[in-house]
Each structure stands twice: as structure tokens, then as C-alpha cells.
Amino acid sequence: MDDKDALIIVNKIFKAAFLVENKASLDDIYKKYAFDIKLPRKVYDKETHEETYTDFDNATNFITKDNMEQIDSKKGFMLEKQDIKSLDQLLNIWESINTITTNRCYNSSYVSKSDTIYDSNYVYNCTNCSNCNHIIFCDGCGNSEYLLASQRSGNCTFSIRVDDSSNCSNSYSVICSNKISNSLFIQDCFNLDECMFCSHIANKKYCICNMQYESAEYFAIKKLIIEWIVNS
């Protein structure tokens, strides 16, 4: 899973959510859509000095999961008993063995620049996600696929910037909502399809700013909004 693979996934999400091709680089995608999401940071394995990723903020010594498992199978991590003569000596020993395991991915494949990933495939720079496929820059998501720059959400597909929500599809910027499809800028709503800039409403279609529109005028405005999102 490399940057090229990640951009292919991003483009599929863009086509579903925005109905346009993505022309931005992966770095620009991160800066524009994932700038406020807590993602794994780059660190280095203490033994091999190879690049690796962790979701620990304050630790300083690291070891990749693969390297840890290799050492454990060959010689283990037990030390010969020493006579401890000072607290400093004890703390120095602790410092030498206290390495944080990184790249913790379990029952997962095609995972890159990520930490704490479970039962997932095709994951790029994500953390604390499970049962997901084709996700980029996500934190705390589950049972989702083709998700970009989203947090603490589940059962979502082909969406961007979905936070604290569930059952969302083909949507952008959805917060604290459920059953949202083909919509943009939704906050605290339920069961909306083709709505934009709506808050605290339910069971609606073709609404903009909580106002009801006809389908033709709705889609004319939506086209302008998508151009503004993508090109701004």
C-alpha cells in the first residue's frame, strides 16, 4: 500500500461523494481534509532505525511489531539478573527495554503508515480502526469502506470527513448523524438523502439550510457547492 494506491482509493471516494475526479496530491488531500485528525506519527525503530508509525504521543523508544516478534522468537527479551544498587541503575535498565511496539496491525493486509489496525485491508495512515477496507487518514472507524479523513464512525461508505456518525454514504462533512446519503455539510440529522447545510432535521430530501427545494433547483445549487469544495 503506497501513495499511488492511496490516491486510487481517494479518487474512487471523490467520484462517489463529489461526482468528479480528484486532481490533488495526497499531501494536499491531507492538508485540506485530514488536518485536524489524530493520525499515527512517523518514528524510527530503536534497533534497525527503519521508519515506522505509532499512535503514542510521548514515547521515545520504538520497535516495529515485526522486529519485536523476530527477537522474541530467536532470543526473547529476558535479561540476566543484576544487583540493583541505585534507582538510576534500575531506571536505566527500564529505559533500555521499554520500547513501544509500532505498526500494530492484526489480521490485516496492505496496511501502510498505520498503528492499531484490526481485521482490515488497504489502509493508509490510519489508527484504531477495525473491519475496514480502503480507508485513508481515519481514526476510530469500524465496519466501513472507502472512507477518507473520518473519525469515530461506523458502517459508512464512500464518504469524506464523517465524524461521530453511522450509516453514511456518498457524503461529505457529516457530524453526529445517522442514515445520511448523497449529502454535504450535515450536523445532528437522521435519515437524509440529497441534502446540504442542514442541522437537527430528519426524514428529508432536497433540503438546503433546512429549507425545502425542488429537485432541479437543488441539483443546480449542489453543482456549485461541489465546485466550491473541490476548487477552494
C-alpha atoms as a PDB file:
ATOM      1  CA  MET A   1       0.000   0.000   0.000  1.00  0.00           C
ATOM      2  CA  ASP A   2       1.856   3.110  -1.222  1.00  0.00           C
ATOM      3  CA  ASP A   3       0.950   6.708  -2.090  1.00  0.00           C
ATOM      4  CA  LYS A   4      -0.140   5.697  -5.594  1.00  0.00           C
ATOM      5  CA  ASP A   5      -2.519   3.058  -4.215  1.00  0.00           C
ATOM      6  CA  ALA A   6      -3.882   5.583  -1.720  1.00  0.00           C
ATOM      7  CA  LEU A   7      -4.616   8.118  -4.470  1.00  0.00           C
ATOM      8  CA  ILE A   8      -6.542   5.480  -6.432  1.00  0.00           C
ATOM      9  CA  ILE A   9      -8.752   4.957  -3.382  1.00  0.00           C
ATOM     10  CA  VAL A  10      -9.135   8.717  -2.887  1.00  0.00           C
ATOM     11  CA  ASN A  11     -10.269   9.105  -6.479  1.00  0.00           C
ATOM     12  CA  LYS A  12     -12.937   6.432  -6.085  1.00  0.00           C
ATOM     13  CA  ILE A  13     -14.234   8.219  -2.982  1.00  0.00           C
ATOM     14  CA  PHE A  14     -14.238  11.583  -4.790  1.00  0.00           C
ATOM     15  CA  LYS A  15     -16.253  10.150  -7.673  1.00  0.00           C
ATOM     16  CA  ALA A  16     -18.852   8.801  -5.270  1.00  0.00           C
ATOM     17  CA  ALA A  17     -19.096  11.823  -2.959  1.00  0.00           C
ATOM     18  CA  PHE A  18     -18.410  14.694  -5.370  1.00  0.00           C
ATOM     19  CA  LEU A  19     -19.051  13.109  -8.797  1.00  0.00           C
ATOM     20  CA  VAL A  20     -15.699  14.472 -10.005  1.00  0.00           C
ATOM     21  CA  GLU A  21     -12.122  13.237 -10.407  1.00  0.00           C
ATOM     22  CA  ASN A  22      -9.588  14.066  -7.732  1.00  0.00           C
ATOM     23  CA  LYS A  23      -6.726  16.174  -9.088  1.00  0.00           C
ATOM     24  CA  ALA A  24      -4.964  16.920  -5.800  1.00  0.00           C
ATOM     25  CA  SER A  25      -1.834  15.244  -4.455  1.00  0.00           C
ATOM     26  CA  LEU A  26      -2.000  13.047  -1.385  1.00  0.00           C
ATOM     27  CA  ASP A  27      -0.228  15.717   0.651  1.00  0.00           C
ATOM     28  CA  ASP A  28      -2.780  18.325  -0.413  1.00  0.00           C
ATOM     29  CA  ILE A  29      -5.611  15.905   0.412  1.00  0.00           C
ATOM     30  CA  TYR A  30      -4.192  15.541   3.918  1.00  0.00           C
ATOM     31  CA  LYS A  31      -3.795  19.299   4.421  1.00  0.00           C
ATOM     32  CA  LYS A  32      -7.303  20.079   3.201  1.00  0.00           C
ATOM     33  CA  TYR A  33      -9.384  17.228   4.610  1.00  0.00           C
ATOM     34  CA  ALA A  34      -7.429  15.473   7.383  1.00  0.00           C
ATOM     35  CA  PHE A  35      -5.563  18.358   9.019  1.00  0.00           C
ATOM     36  CA  ASP A  36      -7.390  18.000  12.370  1.00  0.00           C
ATOM     37  CA  ILE A  37      -7.450  14.201  12.657  1.00  0.00           C
ATOM     38  CA  LYS A  38      -5.137  12.444  15.110  1.00  0.00           C
ATOM     39  CA  LEU A  39      -3.078  10.110  12.947  1.00  0.00           C
ATOM     40  CA  PRO A  40      -0.025   7.940  13.601  1.00  0.00           C
ATOM     41  CA  ARG A  41       3.254   9.831  13.558  1.00  0.00           C
ATOM     42  CA  LYS A  42       6.495   8.764  11.948  1.00  0.00           C
ATOM     43  CA  VAL A  43       9.202   7.455  14.292  1.00  0.00           C
ATOM     44  CA  TYR A  44      12.158   5.074  13.976  1.00  0.00           C
ATOM     45  CA  ASP A  45      12.860   1.562  15.254  1.00  0.00           C
ATOM     46  CA  LYS A  46      15.465   1.762  18.023  1.00  0.00           C
ATOM     47  CA  GLU A  47      17.337  -1.301  16.761  1.00  0.00           C
ATOM     48  CA  THR A  48      17.048  -1.161  12.961  1.00  0.00           C
ATOM     49  CA  HIS A  49      16.453   2.600  12.557  1.00  0.00           C
ATOM     50  CA  GLU A  50      13.766   1.831   9.992  1.00  0.00           C
ATOM     51  CA  GLU A  51      10.836   4.207   9.537  1.00  0.00           C
ATOM     52  CA  THR A  52       7.708   3.169  11.395  1.00  0.00           C
ATOM     53  CA  TYR A  53       4.473   4.668  12.750  1.00  0.00           C
ATOM     54  CA  THR A  54       2.902   4.963  16.198  1.00  0.00           C
ATOM     55  CA  ASP A  55      -0.160   6.496  17.809  1.00  0.00           C
ATOM     56  CA  PHE A  56       1.729   7.082  21.096  1.00  0.00           C
ATOM     57  CA  ASP A  57       2.354  10.801  21.607  1.00  0.00           C
ATOM     58  CA  ASN A  58       5.010  10.915  24.318  1.00  0.00           C
ATOM     59  CA  ALA A  59       7.111   7.750  23.948  1.00  0.00           C
ATOM     60  CA  THR A  60      10.683   7.969  22.629  1.00  0.00           C
ATOM     61  CA  ASN A  61      11.856   4.362  22.062  1.00  0.00           C
ATOM     62  CA  PHE A  62      10.158   2.185  19.459  1.00  0.00           C
ATOM     63  CA  ILE A  63      10.313  -1.235  17.862  1.00  0.00           C
ATOM     64  CA  THR A  64       8.242  -2.481  14.947  1.00  0.00           C
ATOM     65  CA  LYS A  65       5.852  -5.342  15.549  1.00  0.00           C
ATOM     66  CA  ASP A  66       7.749  -7.500  13.034  1.00  0.00           C
ATOM     67  CA  ASN A  67      11.117  -6.794  14.647  1.00  0.00           C
ATOM     68  CA  MET A  68       9.725  -7.442  18.127  1.00  0.00           C
ATOM     69  CA  GLU A  69       8.326 -10.811  17.022  1.00  0.00           C
ATOM     70  CA  GLN A  70      11.622 -11.812  15.392  1.00  0.00           C
ATOM     71  CA  ILE A  71      13.636 -11.013  18.521  1.00  0.00           C
ATOM     72  CA  ASP A  72      11.075 -12.781  20.702  1.00  0.00           C
ATOM     73  CA  SER A  73      11.275 -15.960  18.618  1.00  0.00           C
ATOM     74  CA  LYS A  74      15.101 -16.006  18.443  1.00  0.00           C
ATOM     75  CA  LYS A  75      16.315 -14.980  21.898  1.00  0.00           C
ATOM     76  CA  GLY A  76      13.450 -13.393  23.812  1.00  0.00           C
ATOM     77  CA  PHE A  77      13.581 -10.285  25.970  1.00  0.00           C
ATOM     78  CA  MET A  78      14.583 -11.691  29.366  1.00  0.00           C
ATOM     79  CA  LEU A  79      17.801 -10.306  30.954  1.00  0.00           C
ATOM     80  CA  GLU A  80      20.342 -11.808  33.323  1.00  0.00           C
ATOM     81  CA  LYS A  81      19.661 -10.863  36.928  1.00  0.00           C
ATOM     82  CA  GLN A  82      21.639  -7.842  38.142  1.00  0.00           C
ATOM     83  CA  ASP A  83      22.305  -6.457  41.590  1.00  0.00           C
ATOM     84  CA  ILE A  84      20.371  -3.197  41.710  1.00  0.00           C
ATOM     85  CA  LYS A  85      22.371  -0.642  43.663  1.00  0.00           C
ATOM     86  CA  SER A  86      20.536   2.560  42.810  1.00  0.00           C
ATOM     87  CA  LEU A  87      17.296   3.895  41.441  1.00  0.00           C
ATOM     88  CA  ASP A  88      19.183   5.384  38.498  1.00  0.00           C
ATOM     89  CA  GLN A  89      20.513   1.944  37.587  1.00  0.00           C
ATOM     90  CA  LEU A  90      17.001   0.482  37.688  1.00  0.00           C
ATOM     91  CA  LEU A  91      15.580   3.286  35.579  1.00  0.00           C
ATOM     92  CA  ASN A  92      18.393   2.925  33.030  1.00  0.00           C
ATOM     93  CA  ILE A  93      17.619  -0.760  32.610  1.00  0.00           C
ATOM     94  CA  TRP A  94      13.948   0.033  32.236  1.00  0.00           C
ATOM     95  CA  GLU A  95      14.775   2.646  29.613  1.00  0.00           C
ATOM     96  CA  SER A  96      16.805   0.113  27.622  1.00  0.00           C
ATOM     97  CA  ILE A  97      13.969  -2.436  27.397  1.00  0.00           C
ATOM     98  CA  ASN A  98      10.940  -0.140  27.349  1.00  0.00           C
ATOM     99  CA  THR A  99      10.346   0.066  23.607  1.00  0.00           C
ATOM    100  CA  ILE A 100       6.869   0.808  22.304  1.00  0.00           C
ATOM    101  CA  THR A 101       5.651  -1.612  19.644  1.00  0.00           C
ATOM    102  CA  THR A 102       4.654   0.148  16.426  1.00  0.00           C
ATOM    103  CA  ASN A 103       2.813  -0.772  13.232  1.00  0.00           C
ATOM    104  CA  ARG A 104       0.432  -2.888  15.283  1.00  0.00           C
ATOM    105  CA  CYS A 105      -1.746  -4.477  12.623  1.00  0.00           C
ATOM    106  CA  TYR A 106      -3.611  -7.683  13.344  1.00  0.00           C
ATOM    107  CA  ASN A 107      -5.271  -9.963  10.814  1.00  0.00           C
ATOM    108  CA  SER A 108      -4.858  -7.201   8.247  1.00  0.00           C
ATOM    109  CA  SER A 109      -3.093  -6.751   4.912  1.00  0.00           C
ATOM    110  CA  TYR A 110      -1.937  -3.928   2.639  1.00  0.00           C
ATOM    111  CA  VAL A 111      -1.570  -1.564   5.569  1.00  0.00           C
ATOM    112  CA  SER A 112       0.812   1.403   5.465  1.00  0.00           C
ATOM    113  CA  LYS A 113       1.852   4.133   7.917  1.00  0.00           C
ATOM    114  CA  SER A 114      -0.744   2.944  10.432  1.00  0.00           C
ATOM    115  CA  ASP A 115      -0.991   1.705  14.020  1.00  0.00           C
ATOM    116  CA  THR A 116      -3.610  -0.354  15.883  1.00  0.00           C
ATOM    117  CA  ILE A 117      -5.470  -1.768  12.894  1.00  0.00           C
ATOM    118  CA  TYR A 118      -7.651  -4.856  13.210  1.00  0.00           C
ATOM    119  CA  ASP A 119      -9.230  -7.128  10.575  1.00  0.00           C
ATOM    120  CA  SER A 120      -8.796  -4.561   7.810  1.00  0.00           C
ATOM    121  CA  ASN A 121      -7.297  -4.290   4.331  1.00  0.00           C
ATOM    122  CA  TYR A 122      -5.967  -1.465   2.178  1.00  0.00           C
ATOM    123  CA  VAL A 123      -5.384   1.018   4.974  1.00  0.00           C
ATOM    124  CA  TYR A 124      -3.236   4.156   4.670  1.00  0.00           C
ATOM    125  CA  ASN A 125      -2.146   6.323   7.621  1.00  0.00           C
ATOM    126  CA  CYS A 126      -4.975   5.348   9.975  1.00  0.00           C
ATOM    127  CA  THR A 127      -5.280   4.418  13.623  1.00  0.00           C
ATOM    128  CA  ASN A 128      -7.644   2.482  15.869  1.00  0.00           C
ATOM    129  CA  CYS A 129      -9.762   1.113  13.010  1.00  0.00           C
ATOM    130  CA  SER A 130     -11.316  -2.319  12.644  1.00  0.00           C
ATOM    131  CA  ASN A 131     -13.194  -4.279   9.994  1.00  0.00           C
ATOM    132  CA  CYS A 132     -12.488  -1.618   7.373  1.00  0.00           C
ATOM    133  CA  ASN A 133     -11.341  -1.692   3.774  1.00  0.00           C
ATOM    134  CA  HIS A 134      -9.906   1.052   1.554  1.00  0.00           C
ATOM    135  CA  ILE A 135      -9.644   3.793   4.184  1.00  0.00           C
ATOM    136  CA  ILE A 136      -7.314   6.806   4.194  1.00  0.00           C
ATOM    137  CA  PHE A 137      -6.450   9.196   7.082  1.00  0.00           C
ATOM    138  CA  CYS A 138      -9.050   7.765   9.501  1.00  0.00           C
ATOM    139  CA  ASP A 139      -9.177   7.461  13.284  1.00  0.00           C
ATOM    140  CA  GLY A 140     -11.515   5.224  15.270  1.00  0.00           C
ATOM    141  CA  CYS A 141     -13.668   3.922  12.416  1.00  0.00           C
ATOM    142  CA  GLY A 142     -15.231   0.488  12.044  1.00  0.00           C
ATOM    143  CA  ASN A 143     -17.160  -1.656   9.604  1.00  0.00           C
ATOM    144  CA  SER A 144     -16.600   0.849   6.814  1.00  0.00           C
ATOM    145  CA  GLU A 145     -15.056   1.030   3.364  1.00  0.00           C
ATOM    146  CA  TYR A 146     -13.852   3.741   1.022  1.00  0.00           C
ATOM    147  CA  LEU A 147     -13.674   6.293   3.813  1.00  0.00           C
ATOM    148  CA  LEU A 148     -11.446   9.385   3.824  1.00  0.00           C
ATOM    149  CA  ALA A 149     -10.475  11.710   6.679  1.00  0.00           C
ATOM    150  CA  SER A 150     -13.113  10.445   9.117  1.00  0.00           C
ATOM    151  CA  GLN A 151     -13.285   9.870  12.872  1.00  0.00           C
ATOM    152  CA  ARG A 152     -15.225   7.703  15.323  1.00  0.00           C
ATOM    153  CA  SER A 153     -17.739   6.492  12.745  1.00  0.00           C
ATOM    154  CA  GLY A 154     -19.098   3.152  11.593  1.00  0.00           C
ATOM    155  CA  ASN A 155     -20.964   1.439   8.785  1.00  0.00           C
ATOM    156  CA  CYS A 156     -20.050   4.195   6.331  1.00  0.00           C
ATOM    157  CA  THR A 157     -19.053   4.044   2.669  1.00  0.00           C
ATOM    158  CA  PHE A 158     -17.609   6.379   0.020  1.00  0.00           C
ATOM    159  CA  SER A 159     -17.596   9.432   2.283  1.00  0.00           C
ATOM    160  CA  ILE A 160     -15.236  12.205   3.376  1.00  0.00           C
ATOM    161  CA  ARG A 161     -14.966  13.887   6.792  1.00  0.00           C
ATOM    162  CA  VAL A 162     -17.596  11.845   8.597  1.00  0.00           C
ATOM    163  CA  ASP A 163     -17.344  12.354  12.375  1.00  0.00           C
ATOM    164  CA  ASP A 164     -19.225  10.569  15.165  1.00  0.00           C
ATOM    165  CA  SER A 165     -21.760   9.208  12.686  1.00  0.00           C
ATOM    166  CA  SER A 166     -23.048   5.927  11.263  1.00  0.00           C
ATOM    167  CA  ASN A 167     -24.684   4.543   8.137  1.00  0.00           C
ATOM    168  CA  CYS A 168     -23.473   7.352   5.880  1.00  0.00           C
ATOM    169  CA  SER A 169     -22.758   7.002   2.181  1.00  0.00           C
ATOM    170  CA  ASN A 170     -21.590   9.211  -0.688  1.00  0.00           C
ATOM    171  CA  SER A 171     -21.436  12.226   1.616  1.00  0.00           C
ATOM    172  CA  TYR A 172     -19.101  14.973   2.811  1.00  0.00           C
ATOM    173  CA  SER A 173     -18.748  16.698   6.187  1.00  0.00           C
ATOM    174  CA  VAL A 174     -21.252  14.800   8.295  1.00  0.00           C
ATOM    175  CA  ILE A 175     -21.232  15.240  12.082  1.00  0.00           C
ATOM    176  CA  CYS A 176     -23.164  13.329  14.754  1.00  0.00           C
ATOM    177  CA  SER A 177     -25.710  11.934  12.288  1.00  0.00           C
ATOM    178  CA  ASN A 178     -27.218   8.634  11.151  1.00  0.00           C
ATOM    179  CA  LYS A 179     -28.539   7.334   7.839  1.00  0.00           C
ATOM    180  CA  ILE A 180     -27.191  10.111   5.616  1.00  0.00           C
ATOM    181  CA  SER A 181     -26.693   9.656   1.870  1.00  0.00           C
ATOM    182  CA  ASN A 182     -25.560  11.852  -1.035  1.00  0.00           C
ATOM    183  CA  SER A 183     -25.369  14.889   1.233  1.00  0.00           C
ATOM    184  CA  LEU A 184     -22.975  17.708   2.157  1.00  0.00           C
ATOM    185  CA  PHE A 185     -22.453  19.598   5.434  1.00  0.00           C
ATOM    186  CA  ILE A 186     -24.852  17.773   7.752  1.00  0.00           C
ATOM    187  CA  GLN A 187     -24.985  18.189  11.530  1.00  0.00           C
ATOM    188  CA  ASP A 188     -27.100  16.185  14.007  1.00  0.00           C
ATOM    189  CA  CYS A 189     -29.562  14.794  11.453  1.00  0.00           C
ATOM    190  CA  PHE A 190     -31.285  11.494  10.738  1.00  0.00           C
ATOM    191  CA  ASN A 191     -32.342   9.810   7.528  1.00  0.00           C
ATOM    192  CA  LEU A 192     -31.480  12.453   4.939  1.00  0.00           C
ATOM    193  CA  ASP A 193     -30.867  11.946   1.231  1.00  0.00           C
ATOM    194  CA  GLU A 194     -29.629  14.682  -1.092  1.00  0.00           C
ATOM    195  CA  CYS A 195     -29.488  17.461   1.486  1.00  0.00           C
ATOM    196  CA  MET A 196     -26.939  20.218   2.162  1.00  0.00           C
ATOM    197  CA  PHE A 197     -26.139  22.551   5.058  1.00  0.00           C
ATOM    198  CA  CYS A 198     -28.783  21.001   7.317  1.00  0.00           C
ATOM    199  CA  SER A 199     -28.975  20.618  11.104  1.00  0.00           C
ATOM    200  CA  HIS A 200     -31.374  18.892  13.507  1.00  0.00           C
ATOM    201  CA  ILE A 201     -33.854  17.593  10.903  1.00  0.00           C
ATOM    202  CA  ALA A 202     -34.975  14.101   9.896  1.00  0.00           C
ATOM    203  CA  ASN A 203     -36.570  12.190   7.038  1.00  0.00           C
ATOM    204  CA  LYS A 204     -35.972  14.839   4.366  1.00  0.00           C
ATOM    205  CA  LYS A 205     -34.780  15.100   0.766  1.00  0.00           C
ATOM    206  CA  TYR A 206     -33.702  18.085  -1.354  1.00  0.00           C
ATOM    207  CA  CYS A 207     -33.266  20.390   1.617  1.00  0.00           C
ATOM    208  CA  ILE A 208     -30.708  23.210   1.805  1.00  0.00           C
ATOM    209  CA  CYS A 209     -30.197  25.067   5.094  1.00  0.00           C
ATOM    210  CA  ASN A 210     -33.307  23.314   6.432  1.00  0.00           C
ATOM    211  CA  MET A 211     -35.396  24.692   3.549  1.00  0.00           C
ATOM    212  CA  GLN A 212     -37.270  22.502   1.102  1.00  0.00           C
ATOM    213  CA  TYR A 213     -36.374  22.778  -2.605  1.00  0.00           C
ATOM    214  CA  GLU A 214     -37.485  21.131  -5.832  1.00  0.00           C
ATOM    215  CA  SER A 215     -35.029  18.595  -7.240  1.00  0.00           C
ATOM    216  CA  ALA A 216     -33.964  20.687 -10.261  1.00  0.00           C
ATOM    217  CA  GLU A 217     -33.072  23.775  -8.237  1.00  0.00           C
ATOM    218  CA  TYR A 218     -31.448  21.626  -5.572  1.00  0.00           C
ATOM    219  CA  PHE A 219     -29.063  19.953  -8.029  1.00  0.00           C
ATOM    220  CA  ALA A 220     -28.202  23.261  -9.680  1.00  0.00           C
ATOM    221  CA  ILE A 221     -27.059  24.598  -6.299  1.00  0.00           C
ATOM    222  CA  LYS A 222     -25.322  21.342  -5.382  1.00  0.00           C
ATOM    223  CA  LYS A 223     -23.175  21.546  -8.508  1.00  0.00           C
ATOM    224  CA  LEU A 224     -21.950  24.993  -7.456  1.00  0.00           C
ATOM    225  CA  ILE A 225     -21.241  23.807  -3.905  1.00  0.00           C
ATOM    226  CA  ILE A 226     -19.191  20.843  -5.111  1.00  0.00           C
ATOM    227  CA  GLU A 227     -17.133  23.118  -7.373  1.00  0.00           C
ATOM    228  CA  TRP A 228     -16.519  25.382  -4.399  1.00  0.00           C
ATOM    229  CA  ILE A 229     -15.439  22.476  -2.156  1.00  0.00           C
ATOM    230  CA  VAL A 230     -13.104  20.874  -4.650  1.00  0.00           C
ATOM    231  CA  ASN A 231     -11.543  24.048  -6.062  1.00  0.00           C
ATOM    232  CA  SER A 232     -11.286  26.233  -2.977  1.00  0.00           C
END
